[in-house]
Amino acid sequence: MKKSLGIIICVFLLCAGPLSAAEVKVGSNTPLSGKLSVYGEGFQQAMLLALEEVNAEGGIKGSPMQIVFEDNNSTAAGAVSAIQKLITVDKLPLLFGPAASSNFLAVCPIAQQNKTILIAAESAAAEISKCGSFVFRVFPSDALQGIGVAELTQTLKYDQVVLTYINNDWGVGLAEIFKKKFTAAGGKILDEFAHDEGKTDYRSEVLRIRKSNAKAVVNLTYIKEGATVLKQAYETGLKVQWLMGSASKSPKLVELAGEAAEGVIGTYPTFSQETPQYKAFKAAWEKKYPDKKIPVFGEYNYDMVKLTAKALRMAKSMAPEDLRKAMIEAGKGYMGVTGDKTFDENGDVGAVYGCWTVKQQAIQDYK
């Protein structure tokens, strides 16, 4: 039987009573092994930093807060097993959902059916907006990111591109939104195809791109897959402008792809790094993890925990409806590291999109 990675010390009050003396536990359905573990370690570190601060501030009404981490092995099946354990065995009323939209979409019906609060910090598929009233996310929907990628492509004056995307709910949904916006503005898709997750050889995909004679390729993918495509394209001498999304924006992409990543341009939901919130987060991160760079989506995982703690402090009880109302109230005007976390009627937040690039082997803002 898979062992929970959380530290479970005492039994939490499960019924619809006031929050009080017992340790306040929430769950996290996290990819600590498997193909998404390249992200998962950073997610966990950001959550633990926020948790440390929450408890230093007095926890939840004087009780310490605890996160029970359950490894989902980066798969939809693993995510389902993890949420079932967190709900039925650990009996936790509030959970942080899995990364990867496919995995999140596999578990959100379970959370909704059990009236368990489920929160995402990086899952972006537009379909998540339909998950239900107990589902929230602090990361913006692809409905916004797809438009951002299309606008970037048009700004750079590429009116003909190849479109490739990772073959899952996130990739397919983001590609559809991009294509709709791009073609409506007069753009032409020279070729379009999905690529599978987890492969180590994308040379056939690179050859297909070469045959298109495209000057630019929109590649909506993850870190490892993106790095492999870039490296293998570079090795074959393919010279195109690579345009990517937020899931590829990581120092790990540069580490894995090396010089093949130079010149990539992408979009990402942006937020000011000059706010007091961001400066405090950065200082705290550097103190706790002096040898580690802030990971991709790290700020969102940090905000998720801090906002959740605010909601738990506001909640009248642990009853599902009280928790749901508290999440909505806590989000109103909440300015986190990543900006305003006010939830709309679908549990979504807004966003402003910026651009990033790889220059001199480092992720930088594109201007």
Protein backbone atom coordinates (compact mmCIF):
# COMPACT_ATOMS: atom_id res chain seq x y z
CA MET A 1 0.00 0.00 0.00
CA LYS A 2 1.36 3.41 -0.91
CA LYS A 3 2.51 5.36 2.11
CA SER A 4 1.43 8.95 2.63
CA LEU A 5 4.35 11.36 2.58
CA GLY A 6 2.77 13.71 5.07
CA ILE A 7 3.56 13.78 8.77
CA ILE A 8 0.37 12.79 10.53
CA ILE A 9 0.53 13.58 14.23
CA CYS A 10 -3.01 13.82 15.56
CA VAL A 11 -6.58 13.33 14.47
CA PHE A 12 -8.32 16.35 12.94
CA LEU A 13 -11.91 17.28 13.71
CA LEU A 14 -13.90 15.82 10.82
CA CYS A 15 -17.44 16.86 11.54
CA ALA A 16 -19.02 20.24 10.94
CA GLY A 17 -17.76 21.81 14.14
CA PRO A 18 -15.76 24.97 14.83
CA LEU A 19 -12.07 25.07 13.98
CA SER A 20 -10.21 24.72 17.25
CA ALA A 21 -7.54 22.91 19.20
CA ALA A 22 -6.71 19.96 16.93
CA GLU A 23 -4.10 20.23 14.21
CA VAL A 24 -5.65 21.54 11.02
CA LYS A 25 -4.76 19.18 8.17
CA VAL A 26 -5.26 19.60 4.45
CA GLY A 27 -4.12 17.27 1.68
CA SER A 28 -1.94 17.67 -1.37
CA ASN A 29 -2.19 15.42 -4.44
CA THR A 30 1.38 15.97 -5.67
CA PRO A 31 3.64 14.48 -8.41
CA LEU A 32 6.64 13.54 -6.28
CA SER A 33 7.63 10.69 -8.61
CA GLY A 34 7.16 9.99 -12.30
CA LYS A 35 7.47 12.30 -15.29
CA LEU A 36 6.10 15.40 -13.54
CA SER A 37 8.38 15.11 -10.52
CA VAL A 38 10.61 17.67 -12.28
CA TYR A 39 7.85 20.09 -11.22
CA GLY A 40 6.60 18.39 -8.07
CA GLU A 41 9.63 18.93 -5.88
CA GLY A 42 9.44 22.68 -6.48
CA PHE A 43 5.69 22.73 -5.82
CA GLN A 44 6.23 20.99 -2.50
CA GLN A 45 9.05 23.32 -1.46
CA ALA A 46 6.91 26.39 -2.18
CA MET A 47 3.98 24.96 -0.23
CA LEU A 48 6.20 24.13 2.73
CA LEU A 49 7.62 27.65 2.77
CA ALA A 50 4.10 29.08 2.92
CA LEU A 51 3.13 26.53 5.57
CA GLU A 52 6.08 27.52 7.73
CA GLU A 53 4.97 31.15 7.58
CA VAL A 54 1.34 30.29 8.32
CA ASN A 55 2.35 28.45 11.46
CA ALA A 56 4.79 31.16 12.51
CA GLU A 57 1.82 33.56 12.33
CA GLY A 58 -0.22 31.43 14.74
CA GLY A 59 -1.54 28.74 12.42
CA ILE A 60 -5.31 28.44 12.12
CA LYS A 61 -6.97 30.06 15.11
CA GLY A 62 -4.09 28.96 17.30
CA SER A 63 -3.83 25.44 15.88
CA PRO A 64 -0.92 24.36 13.68
CA MET A 65 -1.65 23.69 10.02
CA GLN A 66 -0.33 20.54 8.38
CA ILE A 67 -0.18 19.42 4.74
CA VAL A 68 -0.49 15.69 4.07
CA PHE A 69 1.38 15.02 0.81
CA GLU A 70 0.20 12.07 -1.25
CA ASP A 71 2.34 11.09 -4.25
CA ASN A 72 0.29 10.54 -7.44
CA ASN A 73 3.18 9.22 -9.57
CA SER A 74 2.35 11.90 -12.18
CA THR A 75 -0.53 9.88 -13.63
CA ALA A 76 -4.31 10.27 -13.77
CA ALA A 77 -4.76 6.84 -12.18
CA GLY A 78 -2.34 7.77 -9.43
CA ALA A 79 -4.13 11.08 -8.89
CA VAL A 80 -7.46 9.26 -8.52
CA SER A 81 -5.96 6.82 -6.00
CA ALA A 82 -4.40 9.71 -4.09
CA ILE A 83 -7.63 11.72 -3.83
CA GLN A 84 -9.61 8.67 -2.81
CA LYS A 85 -7.16 8.03 0.02
CA LEU A 86 -7.09 11.67 1.12
CA ILE A 87 -10.90 11.82 1.20
CA THR A 88 -11.91 8.36 2.45
CA VAL A 89 -8.96 7.33 4.64
CA ASP A 90 -7.47 10.62 5.81
CA LYS A 91 -10.90 12.29 5.64
CA LEU A 92 -9.50 15.69 4.70
CA PRO A 93 -12.04 18.35 3.75
CA LEU A 94 -9.73 20.50 1.61
CA LEU A 95 -7.17 19.36 -0.96
CA PHE A 96 -4.55 20.86 -3.24
CA GLY A 97 -5.08 19.25 -6.62
CA PRO A 98 -2.64 17.50 -8.94
CA ALA A 99 -0.54 19.16 -11.61
CA ALA A 100 -1.34 18.51 -15.28
CA SER A 101 -4.85 19.33 -16.40
CA SER A 102 -5.59 15.73 -17.41
CA ASN A 103 -4.83 14.57 -13.89
CA PHE A 104 -6.83 17.40 -12.36
CA LEU A 105 -9.82 16.73 -14.59
CA ALA A 106 -9.70 13.07 -13.54
CA VAL A 107 -10.14 13.98 -9.88
CA CYS A 108 -12.32 17.09 -9.86
CA PRO A 109 -15.60 15.09 -10.25
CA ILE A 110 -14.61 13.07 -7.17
CA ALA A 111 -14.02 16.22 -5.16
CA GLN A 112 -17.28 17.75 -6.35
CA GLN A 113 -19.28 14.62 -5.59
CA ASN A 114 -17.81 14.42 -2.07
CA LYS A 115 -18.15 18.18 -1.51
CA THR A 116 -14.43 18.41 -0.87
CA ILE A 117 -12.70 21.70 -1.65
CA LEU A 118 -10.14 21.18 -4.43
CA ILE A 119 -7.68 23.91 -5.40
CA ALA A 120 -5.26 24.05 -8.34
CA ALA A 121 -2.04 26.05 -8.52
CA GLU A 122 -0.93 25.17 -12.05
CA SER A 123 -3.68 23.24 -13.93
CA ALA A 124 -4.87 25.54 -16.70
CA ALA A 125 -7.27 23.66 -19.02
CA ALA A 126 -10.36 25.68 -19.86
CA GLU A 127 -12.56 22.65 -19.04
CA ILE A 128 -11.63 22.98 -15.36
CA SER A 129 -13.98 25.96 -15.17
CA LYS A 130 -16.83 23.43 -15.46
CA CYS A 131 -15.68 21.19 -12.59
CA GLY A 132 -18.15 22.55 -10.07
CA SER A 133 -18.71 24.85 -7.13
CA PHE A 134 -16.18 23.16 -4.80
CA VAL A 135 -13.29 23.58 -7.26
CA PHE A 136 -11.02 26.62 -7.37
CA ARG A 137 -7.71 27.58 -8.92
CA VAL A 138 -5.22 30.37 -8.30
CA PHE A 139 -3.70 29.89 -11.77
CA PRO A 140 -5.46 31.38 -14.82
CA SER A 141 -7.37 29.39 -17.43
CA ASP A 142 -5.98 28.52 -20.84
CA ALA A 143 -8.84 30.56 -22.22
CA LEU A 144 -6.53 33.48 -21.41
CA GLN A 145 -3.17 31.85 -22.23
CA GLY A 146 -4.22 30.66 -25.68
CA ILE A 147 -5.13 34.21 -26.60
CA GLY A 148 -1.80 35.41 -25.21
CA VAL A 149 0.23 33.00 -27.37
CA ALA A 150 -1.73 34.01 -30.47
CA GLU A 151 -1.15 37.69 -29.76
CA LEU A 152 2.57 37.07 -29.26
CA THR A 153 2.77 35.25 -32.61
CA GLN A 154 1.01 38.12 -34.37
CA THR A 155 3.15 40.76 -32.63
CA LEU A 156 6.26 39.00 -33.92
CA LYS A 157 4.68 39.12 -37.41
CA TYR A 158 4.56 35.38 -37.97
CA ASP A 159 1.40 34.83 -40.00
CA GLN A 160 2.21 31.21 -40.92
CA VAL A 161 3.25 28.67 -38.29
CA VAL A 162 3.41 25.00 -37.45
CA LEU A 163 1.38 24.16 -34.34
CA THR A 164 2.37 21.22 -32.15
CA TYR A 165 1.13 20.45 -28.66
CA ILE A 166 1.41 17.80 -26.01
CA ASN A 167 -1.30 15.18 -26.37
CA ASN A 168 -3.35 15.70 -23.22
CA ASP A 169 -6.26 17.85 -22.05
CA TRP A 170 -4.04 20.83 -21.35
CA GLY A 171 -2.24 20.73 -24.70
CA VAL A 172 -5.30 20.04 -26.82
CA GLY A 173 -7.39 22.72 -25.13
CA LEU A 174 -4.67 25.36 -25.28
CA ALA A 175 -3.99 24.58 -28.96
CA GLU A 176 -7.66 24.94 -29.86
CA ILE A 177 -7.89 28.36 -28.23
CA PHE A 178 -4.65 29.49 -29.88
CA LYS A 179 -5.78 28.26 -33.30
CA LYS A 180 -9.17 29.95 -33.06
CA LYS A 181 -7.65 33.31 -32.12
CA PHE A 182 -4.72 33.07 -34.56
CA THR A 183 -6.73 32.08 -37.64
CA ALA A 184 -9.49 34.60 -36.86
CA ALA A 185 -6.83 37.30 -37.19
CA GLY A 186 -5.74 35.97 -40.60
CA GLY A 187 -3.02 33.55 -39.50
CA LYS A 188 -2.40 30.27 -41.30
CA ILE A 189 -1.52 26.91 -39.72
CA LEU A 190 0.91 25.20 -42.11
CA ASP A 191 0.76 21.93 -40.18
CA GLU A 192 -0.73 20.82 -36.88
CA PHE A 193 -0.07 17.71 -34.81
CA ALA A 194 0.01 16.46 -31.22
CA HIS A 195 3.08 14.86 -29.68
CA ASP A 196 3.03 12.27 -26.91
CA GLU A 197 4.24 12.82 -23.37
CA GLY A 198 7.37 11.19 -22.03
CA LYS A 199 9.12 10.27 -25.27
CA THR A 200 12.89 10.49 -25.61
CA ASP A 201 12.89 10.70 -29.40
CA TYR A 202 10.97 13.38 -31.31
CA ARG A 203 13.04 13.24 -34.49
CA SER A 204 10.05 12.26 -36.62
CA GLU A 205 8.21 15.34 -35.33
CA VAL A 206 11.26 17.49 -36.09
CA LEU A 207 11.38 16.07 -39.63
CA ARG A 208 7.71 16.91 -40.10
CA ILE A 209 8.38 20.51 -39.03
CA ARG A 210 11.32 20.73 -41.44
CA LYS A 211 9.13 19.63 -44.35
CA SER A 212 6.70 22.49 -43.68
CA ASN A 213 9.39 25.14 -44.34
CA ALA A 214 7.90 27.14 -41.48
CA LYS A 215 9.78 30.08 -40.04
CA ALA A 216 8.08 29.74 -36.65
CA VAL A 217 6.76 26.83 -34.58
CA VAL A 218 4.27 27.15 -31.75
CA ASN A 219 5.20 24.31 -29.39
CA LEU A 220 2.81 24.02 -26.42
CA THR A 221 4.49 21.46 -24.23
CA TYR A 222 6.19 20.62 -20.93
CA ILE A 223 9.80 21.03 -19.80
CA LYS A 224 11.32 17.61 -20.60
CA GLU A 225 9.44 17.17 -23.87
CA GLY A 226 10.19 20.74 -24.91
CA ALA A 227 13.88 20.39 -24.13
CA THR A 228 14.12 17.13 -26.10
CA VAL A 229 12.44 18.66 -29.16
CA LEU A 230 14.68 21.73 -29.02
CA LYS A 231 17.84 19.68 -28.65
CA GLN A 232 17.01 17.23 -31.44
CA ALA A 233 15.97 20.06 -33.77
CA TYR A 234 19.23 21.86 -33.02
CA GLU A 235 21.24 18.69 -33.71
CA THR A 236 19.65 18.38 -37.16
CA GLY A 237 20.34 22.02 -38.02
CA LEU A 238 16.68 23.07 -38.04
CA LYS A 239 16.45 26.84 -37.59
CA VAL A 240 13.03 28.18 -36.68
CA GLN A 241 11.64 30.58 -34.13
CA TRP A 242 10.25 28.49 -31.27
CA LEU A 243 7.22 29.97 -29.50
CA MET A 244 6.16 28.31 -26.25
CA GLY A 245 3.85 28.66 -23.24
CA SER A 246 4.14 28.99 -19.48
CA ALA A 247 4.69 25.27 -18.76
CA SER A 248 8.09 25.45 -20.47
CA LYS A 249 9.27 28.58 -18.66
CA SER A 250 11.83 27.09 -16.33
CA PRO A 251 15.60 27.11 -15.77
CA LYS A 252 15.28 23.33 -16.11
CA LEU A 253 14.40 23.76 -19.80
CA VAL A 254 17.70 25.58 -20.34
CA GLU A 255 19.59 23.05 -18.26
CA LEU A 256 18.25 20.13 -20.31
CA ALA A 257 18.33 21.74 -23.77
CA GLY A 258 21.52 23.75 -23.39
CA GLU A 259 22.33 26.09 -26.26
CA ALA A 260 19.40 24.64 -28.23
CA ALA A 261 17.07 26.71 -26.02
CA GLU A 262 18.72 30.02 -26.92
CA GLY A 263 16.25 32.44 -28.48
CA VAL A 264 13.04 30.65 -27.50
CA ILE A 265 10.22 33.11 -26.85
CA GLY A 266 7.12 32.30 -24.82
CA THR A 267 4.22 33.68 -22.84
CA TYR A 268 3.36 33.34 -19.18
CA PRO A 269 0.88 34.82 -16.73
CA THR A 270 2.85 37.71 -15.35
CA PHE A 271 2.82 39.64 -12.12
CA SER A 272 4.94 42.44 -10.74
CA GLN A 273 8.14 41.52 -8.95
CA GLU A 274 8.22 44.95 -7.37
CA THR A 275 5.31 44.48 -4.98
CA PRO A 276 5.90 44.06 -1.23
CA GLN A 277 4.34 40.60 -1.48
CA TYR A 278 6.78 39.40 -4.13
CA LYS A 279 9.83 40.92 -2.45
CA ALA A 280 8.89 39.26 0.85
CA PHE A 281 8.36 35.92 -0.89
CA LYS A 282 11.69 36.13 -2.70
CA ALA A 283 13.58 37.00 0.46
CA ALA A 284 11.91 34.15 2.34
CA TRP A 285 12.65 31.70 -0.49
CA GLU A 286 16.33 32.67 -0.63
CA LYS A 287 16.63 32.28 3.12
CA LYS A 288 14.98 28.84 3.24
CA TYR A 289 16.40 27.50 -0.04
CA PRO A 290 19.64 29.44 -0.67
CA ASP A 291 20.89 27.04 -3.33
CA LYS A 292 17.64 26.70 -5.30
CA LYS A 293 16.04 28.97 -7.88
CA ILE A 294 12.36 29.77 -7.56
CA PRO A 295 10.67 26.93 -9.51
CA VAL A 296 8.14 27.26 -12.28
CA PHE A 297 4.71 27.90 -10.70
CA GLY A 298 6.35 28.09 -7.26
CA GLU A 299 4.74 31.46 -6.54
CA TYR A 300 1.28 30.05 -7.32
CA ASN A 301 1.73 27.13 -4.94
CA TYR A 302 2.85 29.55 -2.24
CA ASP A 303 -0.20 31.77 -2.83
CA MET A 304 -2.48 28.72 -2.77
CA VAL A 305 -1.39 27.76 0.74
CA LYS A 306 -1.48 31.31 2.12
CA LEU A 307 -4.95 31.97 0.67
CA THR A 308 -6.20 28.63 1.99
CA ALA A 309 -4.95 29.50 5.47
CA LYS A 310 -6.86 32.78 5.29
CA ALA A 311 -10.02 30.90 4.30
CA LEU A 312 -9.62 28.38 7.12
CA ARG A 313 -9.27 31.21 9.61
CA MET A 314 -12.48 32.76 8.26
CA ALA A 315 -14.51 29.54 8.05
CA LYS A 316 -17.35 29.17 10.56
CA SER A 317 -16.87 25.41 10.56
CA MET A 318 -15.41 22.56 8.51
CA ALA A 319 -18.77 21.90 6.86
CA PRO A 320 -18.35 21.83 3.06
CA GLU A 321 -20.57 24.81 2.41
CA ASP A 322 -18.86 26.89 5.10
CA LEU A 323 -15.46 26.11 3.59
CA ARG A 324 -16.68 26.95 0.09
CA LYS A 325 -18.06 30.30 1.22
CA ALA A 326 -14.86 31.04 3.13
CA MET A 327 -12.72 30.39 0.03
CA ILE A 328 -14.79 32.86 -1.98
CA GLU A 329 -14.65 35.49 0.76
CA ALA A 330 -10.93 35.00 1.36
CA GLY A 331 -10.18 35.51 -2.32
CA LYS A 332 -11.99 38.84 -2.62
CA GLY A 333 -9.31 41.46 -3.18
CA TYR A 334 -6.58 39.15 -1.89
CA MET A 335 -3.28 40.37 -3.32
CA GLY A 336 -0.85 37.50 -3.32
CA VAL A 337 2.61 37.15 -4.79
CA THR A 338 0.93 36.44 -8.15
CA GLY A 339 -1.56 39.27 -7.96
CA ASP A 340 -5.31 39.48 -7.33
CA LYS A 341 -6.84 36.13 -6.36
CA THR A 342 -10.49 37.18 -6.48
CA PHE A 343 -12.50 34.18 -7.73
CA ASP A 344 -15.17 34.50 -10.41
CA GLU A 345 -18.35 32.40 -10.56
CA ASN A 346 -16.33 29.42 -11.88
CA GLY A 347 -13.67 29.57 -9.17
CA ASP A 348 -11.19 31.09 -11.64
CA VAL A 349 -8.87 34.09 -11.33
CA GLY A 350 -7.84 36.64 -13.94
CA ALA A 351 -4.37 37.29 -15.34
CA VAL A 352 -2.13 39.54 -17.38
CA TYR A 353 0.23 37.81 -19.83
CA GLY A 354 3.85 38.73 -20.40
CA CYS A 355 6.64 37.26 -22.53
CA TRP A 356 9.82 35.39 -21.66
CA THR A 357 12.86 34.36 -23.64
CA VAL A 358 16.11 32.44 -23.25
CA LYS A 359 19.12 34.72 -23.61
CA GLN A 360 22.69 33.85 -22.66
CA GLN A 361 21.46 30.59 -21.18
CA ALA A 362 19.02 32.23 -18.77
CA ILE A 363 15.26 32.86 -18.62
CA GLN A 364 14.65 36.57 -19.06
CA ASP A 365 11.71 38.85 -19.78
CA TYR A 366 11.25 39.40 -23.49
CA LYS A 367 10.97 43.04 -24.48
